[in-house]
Protein backbone atom coordinates (compact mmCIF):
# COMPACT_ATOMS: atom_id res chain seq x y z
CA UNK A 1 0.00 0.00 0.00
CA UNK A 2 1.28 3.46 -0.85
CA UNK A 3 2.03 5.76 2.03
CA UNK A 4 1.27 9.46 1.58
CA UNK A 5 2.72 12.13 3.80
CA UNK A 6 0.64 15.28 4.30
CA UNK A 7 2.18 18.45 2.98
CA UNK A 8 1.83 20.82 5.94
CA UNK A 9 3.57 23.84 4.43
CA UNK A 10 1.10 24.34 1.60
CA UNK A 11 0.28 27.84 2.89
CA UNK A 12 3.77 29.03 1.89
CA UNK A 13 3.02 28.47 -1.79
CA UNK A 14 -0.71 29.19 -1.83
CA UNK A 15 -1.66 31.32 -4.82
CA UNK A 16 -4.89 33.10 -5.71
CA UNK A 17 -5.11 34.52 -9.25
CA UNK A 18 -1.36 34.03 -9.58
CA UNK A 19 -0.55 36.12 -6.48
CA UNK A 20 0.65 35.01 -3.05
CA UNK A 21 -1.86 35.52 -0.25
CA UNK A 22 -0.32 38.75 1.02
CA UNK A 23 -0.27 40.33 -2.45
CA UNK A 24 -3.81 39.14 -3.12
CA UNK A 25 -4.97 40.75 0.13
CA UNK A 26 -3.29 44.01 -0.93
CA UNK A 27 -5.02 43.82 -4.32
CA UNK A 28 -8.42 43.21 -2.68
CA UNK A 29 -7.96 46.20 -0.36
CA UNK A 30 -7.22 48.32 -3.42
CA UNK A 31 -10.33 46.98 -5.19
CA UNK A 32 -12.57 47.75 -2.22
CA UNK A 33 -11.12 51.26 -1.91
CA UNK A 34 -11.62 51.73 -5.65
CA UNK A 35 -15.24 50.67 -5.38
CA UNK A 36 -15.75 53.29 -2.65
CA UNK A 37 -14.18 55.93 -4.92
CA UNK A 38 -16.43 54.88 -7.81
CA UNK A 39 -19.56 54.95 -5.62
CA UNK A 40 -18.90 58.39 -4.17
CA UNK A 41 -17.54 60.08 -7.28
CA UNK A 42 -19.71 60.97 -10.19
CA UNK A 43 -16.85 61.46 -12.63
CA UNK A 44 -16.01 59.24 -15.59
CA UNK A 45 -12.35 60.32 -15.31
CA UNK A 46 -12.17 59.05 -11.70
CA UNK A 47 -13.59 55.69 -12.76
CA UNK A 48 -11.03 55.34 -15.56
CA UNK A 49 -8.16 56.33 -13.24
CA UNK A 50 -9.27 53.80 -10.62
CA UNK A 51 -9.50 51.02 -13.20
CA UNK A 52 -6.04 51.85 -14.56
CA UNK A 53 -4.65 51.96 -10.99
CA UNK A 54 -5.96 48.47 -10.23
CA UNK A 55 -4.65 47.09 -13.50
CA UNK A 56 -1.18 48.55 -12.93
CA UNK A 57 -1.13 47.33 -9.31
CA UNK A 58 -2.04 43.80 -10.42
CA UNK A 59 0.70 43.82 -13.08
CA UNK A 60 3.26 45.09 -10.56
CA UNK A 61 2.31 42.53 -7.93
CA UNK A 62 2.37 39.67 -10.44
CA UNK A 63 5.87 40.68 -11.59
CA UNK A 64 7.05 40.93 -7.98
CA UNK A 65 5.63 37.50 -7.16
CA UNK A 66 7.58 35.91 -10.01
CA UNK A 67 10.86 37.15 -8.54
CA UNK A 68 11.40 34.68 -5.72
CA UNK A 69 14.59 36.20 -4.30
CA UNK A 70 13.06 39.63 -3.79
CA UNK A 71 10.97 38.87 -0.71
CA UNK A 72 12.21 35.95 1.38
CA UNK A 73 9.25 34.34 3.13
CA UNK A 74 11.16 31.70 5.13
CA UNK A 75 10.50 31.65 8.82
CA UNK A 76 7.06 33.19 8.61
CA UNK A 77 5.14 30.01 9.32
CA UNK A 78 6.02 27.33 11.88
CA UNK A 79 7.95 24.32 10.64
CA UNK A 80 5.68 21.81 12.33
CA UNK A 81 2.02 22.14 13.19
CA UNK A 82 0.96 20.10 16.19
CA UNK A 83 -1.95 19.85 18.58
CA UNK A 84 0.31 18.54 21.32
CA UNK A 85 -0.06 20.44 24.59
CA UNK A 86 3.26 21.93 25.73
CA UNK A 87 4.12 22.14 29.38
CA UNK A 88 7.02 23.68 31.28
CA UNK A 89 8.39 20.18 31.81
CA UNK A 90 9.37 19.99 28.15
CA UNK A 91 11.59 23.09 28.26
CA UNK A 92 15.08 23.42 29.63
CA UNK A 93 15.88 26.25 31.99
CA UNK A 94 18.38 28.66 30.49
């Protein structure tokens, strides 16, 4: 029988629309702010500027996400995920 090991660090490489989670969150904040600008402005120029802003931001973030050495993300998430309860007996006094 084949034995499969669970891949616990999948969050490090999670992508939504080709962007890492942090860049996707930044893009969504920009989209929500743009929608507020569109709702409260009655100008066609403002709508075009907001759409161009979101398009340029998406292109910039997608280019930045392709460069892996630019933002090192090691050490952000724990190496092992466990439900084991830790007590003071497991630690050494330093």
